[in-house]
Amino acid sequence: MPYGIVLVFEGVGADQYWAVNDRLGIAADGTGDWPPGIRSHCGGPTATGWIVTEVWDSKADQEAFMASRLGAALGAEGLPAPSQIIESELVNYQTI
């Protein structure tokens, strides 16, 4: 069953978002070294920071990416931990 996650970052902006993506080898045009199991990713500004929404094949795939690559990239850029994490086993995921 697909797994969805929303990460809310306070005080984070576009420059920091793109710096993390650069560390991960993911280009602004969407090409690059995407992790196994990711189905979709989007990020954008909020009134107080940045939000990232992703859909994965499984929670295990997202956790493996966090442990092996994303956590280190966030730390290297000095980003705070997400102020809010919303997650769900998705019952209806469609690509339209």
N, C-alpha and C. Protein backbone atom coordinates (compact mmCIF):
# COMPACT_ATOMS: atom_id res chain seq x y z
N MET A 1 0.84 -1.17 0.00
CA MET A 1 0.00 0.00 0.00
C MET A 1 0.89 1.24 0.00
N PRO A 2 0.59 2.22 -0.83
CA PRO A 2 1.40 3.45 -0.87
C PRO A 2 1.38 4.17 0.48
N TYR A 3 2.47 4.88 0.72
CA TYR A 3 2.66 5.62 1.96
C TYR A 3 2.87 7.08 1.62
N GLY A 4 2.13 7.96 2.28
CA GLY A 4 2.28 9.40 2.07
C GLY A 4 2.86 10.07 3.28
N ILE A 5 3.69 11.09 3.04
CA ILE A 5 4.28 11.85 4.14
C ILE A 5 4.34 13.32 3.77
N VAL A 6 4.05 14.16 4.76
CA VAL A 6 4.15 15.61 4.62
C VAL A 6 5.12 16.08 5.70
N LEU A 7 6.15 16.82 5.28
CA LEU A 7 7.14 17.37 6.20
C LEU A 7 7.03 18.88 6.17
N VAL A 8 6.83 19.50 7.33
CA VAL A 8 6.70 20.94 7.44
C VAL A 8 7.96 21.46 8.14
N PHE A 9 8.65 22.39 7.49
CA PHE A 9 9.87 22.99 8.03
C PHE A 9 9.64 24.47 8.29
N GLU A 10 9.88 24.90 9.51
CA GLU A 10 9.77 26.32 9.86
C GLU A 10 11.10 27.01 9.58
N GLY A 11 11.04 28.21 9.02
CA GLY A 11 12.23 29.01 8.79
C GLY A 11 13.13 28.52 7.67
N VAL A 12 12.62 27.66 6.82
CA VAL A 12 13.39 27.13 5.70
C VAL A 12 12.86 27.77 4.42
N GLY A 13 13.77 28.09 3.51
CA GLY A 13 13.38 28.71 2.26
C GLY A 13 13.85 27.95 1.04
N ALA A 14 13.60 28.53 -0.12
CA ALA A 14 13.92 27.89 -1.39
C ALA A 14 15.41 27.58 -1.52
N ASP A 15 16.28 28.51 -1.11
CA ASP A 15 17.72 28.26 -1.25
C ASP A 15 18.15 27.02 -0.48
N GLN A 16 17.64 26.85 0.72
CA GLN A 16 17.99 25.67 1.51
C GLN A 16 17.41 24.39 0.91
N TYR A 17 16.18 24.48 0.42
CA TYR A 17 15.54 23.33 -0.24
C TYR A 17 16.38 22.86 -1.42
N TRP A 18 16.78 23.80 -2.28
CA TRP A 18 17.57 23.43 -3.46
C TRP A 18 18.97 22.95 -3.07
N ALA A 19 19.53 23.49 -1.99
CA ALA A 19 20.84 23.02 -1.53
C ALA A 19 20.77 21.57 -1.08
N VAL A 20 19.71 21.19 -0.40
CA VAL A 20 19.54 19.79 0.01
C VAL A 20 19.39 18.92 -1.23
N ASN A 21 18.56 19.35 -2.18
CA ASN A 21 18.39 18.57 -3.41
C ASN A 21 19.72 18.42 -4.14
N ASP A 22 20.52 19.48 -4.18
CA ASP A 22 21.82 19.41 -4.82
C ASP A 22 22.70 18.35 -4.14
N ARG A 23 22.71 18.33 -2.82
CA ARG A 23 23.48 17.32 -2.08
C ARG A 23 23.01 15.91 -2.39
N LEU A 24 21.72 15.77 -2.67
CA LEU A 24 21.14 14.47 -2.99
C LEU A 24 21.33 14.08 -4.45
N GLY A 25 21.81 15.01 -5.27
CA GLY A 25 21.99 14.73 -6.69
C GLY A 25 20.70 14.82 -7.49
N ILE A 26 19.76 15.66 -7.02
CA ILE A 26 18.48 15.83 -7.70
C ILE A 26 18.43 17.25 -8.25
N ALA A 27 18.26 17.36 -9.56
CA ALA A 27 18.28 18.65 -10.24
C ALA A 27 16.90 19.31 -10.23
N ALA A 28 16.89 20.62 -10.44
CA ALA A 28 15.64 21.39 -10.46
C ALA A 28 14.71 20.95 -11.58
N ASP A 29 15.25 20.34 -12.64
CA ASP A 29 14.41 19.88 -13.75
C ASP A 29 13.81 18.49 -13.48
N GLY A 30 14.07 17.93 -12.29
CA GLY A 30 13.49 16.65 -11.92
C GLY A 30 14.36 15.44 -12.23
N THR A 31 15.46 15.66 -12.90
CA THR A 31 16.36 14.55 -13.19
C THR A 31 17.27 14.33 -11.99
N GLY A 32 17.89 13.16 -11.95
CA GLY A 32 18.87 12.93 -10.91
C GLY A 32 18.69 11.62 -10.18
N ASP A 33 19.28 11.56 -9.02
CA ASP A 33 19.41 10.33 -8.24
C ASP A 33 18.26 10.18 -7.25
N TRP A 34 17.06 9.97 -7.77
CA TRP A 34 15.90 9.77 -6.90
C TRP A 34 16.03 8.42 -6.20
N PRO A 35 15.57 8.33 -4.97
CA PRO A 35 15.70 7.08 -4.22
C PRO A 35 14.72 6.02 -4.70
N PRO A 36 15.08 4.77 -4.51
CA PRO A 36 14.14 3.70 -4.85
C PRO A 36 12.86 3.82 -4.02
N GLY A 37 11.74 3.57 -4.68
CA GLY A 37 10.46 3.53 -3.98
C GLY A 37 9.69 4.83 -3.94
N ILE A 38 10.28 5.94 -4.39
CA ILE A 38 9.52 7.20 -4.37
C ILE A 38 8.63 7.26 -5.61
N ARG A 39 7.39 7.65 -5.41
CA ARG A 39 6.44 7.77 -6.52
C ARG A 39 6.23 9.22 -6.94
N SER A 40 6.21 10.13 -5.96
CA SER A 40 6.04 11.55 -6.29
C SER A 40 6.62 12.40 -5.17
N HIS A 41 7.03 13.61 -5.55
CA HIS A 41 7.62 14.55 -4.62
C HIS A 41 7.24 15.95 -5.07
N CYS A 42 6.87 16.79 -4.11
CA CYS A 42 6.69 18.21 -4.40
C CYS A 42 7.05 19.00 -3.16
N GLY A 43 7.52 20.21 -3.38
CA GLY A 43 7.89 21.09 -2.28
C GLY A 43 7.54 22.51 -2.63
N GLY A 44 7.29 23.31 -1.60
CA GLY A 44 6.98 24.71 -1.87
C GLY A 44 6.94 25.53 -0.59
N PRO A 45 6.90 26.85 -0.77
CA PRO A 45 6.91 27.75 0.38
C PRO A 45 5.58 27.78 1.11
N THR A 46 5.67 28.07 2.40
CA THR A 46 4.50 28.35 3.23
C THR A 46 4.69 29.75 3.82
N ALA A 47 3.76 30.20 4.60
CA ALA A 47 3.87 31.52 5.22
C ALA A 47 5.06 31.60 6.18
N THR A 48 5.48 30.45 6.73
CA THR A 48 6.54 30.45 7.73
C THR A 48 7.72 29.55 7.40
N GLY A 49 7.74 28.96 6.22
CA GLY A 49 8.85 28.06 5.89
C GLY A 49 8.63 27.30 4.60
N TRP A 50 8.74 25.98 4.69
CA TRP A 50 8.71 25.13 3.50
C TRP A 50 7.96 23.84 3.82
N ILE A 51 7.29 23.29 2.81
CA ILE A 51 6.57 22.03 2.97
C ILE A 51 6.99 21.07 1.86
N VAL A 52 7.14 19.81 2.22
CA VAL A 52 7.46 18.75 1.26
C VAL A 52 6.41 17.66 1.41
N THR A 53 5.87 17.23 0.28
CA THR A 53 4.88 16.16 0.26
C THR A 53 5.39 15.07 -0.66
N GLU A 54 5.35 13.83 -0.19
CA GLU A 54 5.85 12.71 -0.99
C GLU A 54 4.91 11.52 -0.89
N VAL A 55 4.92 10.70 -1.93
CA VAL A 55 4.26 9.40 -1.93
C VAL A 55 5.33 8.36 -2.25
N TRP A 56 5.33 7.30 -1.46
CA TRP A 56 6.32 6.22 -1.56
C TRP A 56 5.61 4.89 -1.76
N ASP A 57 6.36 3.92 -2.27
CA ASP A 57 5.82 2.56 -2.37
C ASP A 57 5.49 2.02 -0.98
N SER A 58 6.32 2.38 0.01
CA SER A 58 6.11 1.88 1.37
C SER A 58 6.78 2.81 2.38
N LYS A 59 6.35 2.72 3.63
CA LYS A 59 6.99 3.47 4.70
C LYS A 59 8.44 3.04 4.86
N ALA A 60 8.72 1.77 4.67
CA ALA A 60 10.09 1.26 4.79
C ALA A 60 11.01 1.93 3.77
N ASP A 61 10.53 2.18 2.55
CA ASP A 61 11.35 2.86 1.53
C ASP A 61 11.69 4.27 1.98
N GLN A 62 10.71 5.00 2.52
CA GLN A 62 10.97 6.37 2.98
C GLN A 62 11.93 6.38 4.16
N GLU A 63 11.75 5.47 5.09
CA GLU A 63 12.63 5.40 6.26
C GLU A 63 14.07 5.06 5.85
N ALA A 64 14.22 4.17 4.86
CA ALA A 64 15.56 3.81 4.38
C ALA A 64 16.24 5.02 3.76
N PHE A 65 15.51 5.81 2.99
CA PHE A 65 16.06 7.02 2.38
C PHE A 65 16.45 8.04 3.46
N MET A 66 15.62 8.22 4.45
CA MET A 66 15.92 9.15 5.53
C MET A 66 17.19 8.73 6.25
N ALA A 67 17.32 7.44 6.53
CA ALA A 67 18.47 6.94 7.27
C ALA A 67 19.76 6.95 6.44
N SER A 68 19.64 6.69 5.15
CA SER A 68 20.85 6.54 4.34
C SER A 68 21.31 7.83 3.67
N ARG A 69 20.39 8.76 3.37
CA ARG A 69 20.79 9.94 2.60
C ARG A 69 20.18 11.26 3.07
N LEU A 70 18.87 11.29 3.26
CA LEU A 70 18.21 12.57 3.52
C LEU A 70 18.61 13.17 4.86
N GLY A 71 18.67 12.39 5.90
CA GLY A 71 19.05 12.92 7.20
C GLY A 71 20.39 13.61 7.17
N ALA A 72 21.36 12.99 6.50
CA ALA A 72 22.70 13.58 6.39
C ALA A 72 22.67 14.87 5.58
N ALA A 73 21.89 14.90 4.50
CA ALA A 73 21.82 16.10 3.66
C ALA A 73 21.17 17.26 4.42
N LEU A 74 20.11 16.97 5.17
CA LEU A 74 19.47 18.01 5.97
C LEU A 74 20.44 18.55 7.02
N GLY A 75 21.16 17.65 7.68
CA GLY A 75 22.13 18.06 8.70
C GLY A 75 23.27 18.87 8.12
N ALA A 76 23.75 18.46 6.95
CA ALA A 76 24.87 19.17 6.32
C ALA A 76 24.49 20.60 5.96
N GLU A 77 23.22 20.84 5.67
CA GLU A 77 22.75 22.19 5.34
C GLU A 77 22.27 22.95 6.57
N GLY A 78 22.33 22.32 7.73
CA GLY A 78 21.94 22.98 8.97
C GLY A 78 20.45 23.19 9.12
N LEU A 79 19.64 22.38 8.44
CA LEU A 79 18.19 22.54 8.53
C LEU A 79 17.67 21.97 9.84
N PRO A 80 16.63 22.59 10.39
CA PRO A 80 16.02 22.05 11.61
C PRO A 80 15.22 20.80 11.28
N ALA A 81 14.92 20.03 12.30
CA ALA A 81 14.00 18.90 12.12
C ALA A 81 12.64 19.45 11.71
N PRO A 82 11.85 18.67 10.99
CA PRO A 82 10.51 19.16 10.65
C PRO A 82 9.72 19.51 11.91
N SER A 83 8.97 20.60 11.84
CA SER A 83 8.14 20.99 12.97
C SER A 83 6.86 20.17 13.02
N GLN A 84 6.51 19.58 11.89
CA GLN A 84 5.33 18.72 11.83
C GLN A 84 5.56 17.65 10.78
N ILE A 85 5.13 16.43 11.10
CA ILE A 85 5.16 15.32 10.15
C ILE A 85 3.77 14.71 10.14
N ILE A 86 3.21 14.61 8.96
CA ILE A 86 1.91 13.96 8.78
C ILE A 86 2.15 12.77 7.87
N GLU A 87 1.69 11.60 8.29
CA GLU A 87 1.91 10.41 7.47
C GLU A 87 0.64 9.59 7.40
N SER A 88 0.54 8.80 6.32
CA SER A 88 -0.67 8.01 6.11
C SER A 88 -0.38 6.83 5.17
N GLU A 89 -0.95 5.69 5.51
CA GLU A 89 -1.02 4.60 4.53
C GLU A 89 -2.17 4.98 3.60
N LEU A 90 -1.86 5.25 2.36
CA LEU A 90 -2.84 5.80 1.43
C LEU A 90 -3.78 4.72 0.90
N VAL A 91 -5.07 5.00 0.92
CA VAL A 91 -6.04 4.03 0.42
C VAL A 91 -6.43 4.31 -1.03
N ASN A 92 -6.09 5.50 -1.53
CA ASN A 92 -6.41 5.82 -2.92
C ASN A 92 -5.32 6.73 -3.46
N TYR A 93 -4.45 6.17 -4.26
CA TYR A 93 -3.40 6.97 -4.91
C TYR A 93 -3.53 6.74 -6.40
N GLN A 94 -3.77 7.80 -7.14
CA GLN A 94 -3.93 7.73 -8.58
C GLN A 94 -2.97 8.71 -9.24
N THR A 95 -2.37 8.31 -10.33
CA THR A 95 -1.64 9.28 -11.15
C THR A 95 -2.59 9.65 -12.29
N ILE A 96 -2.78 10.92 -12.46
CA ILE A 96 -3.78 11.39 -13.42
C ILE A 96 -3.09 12.14 -14.55
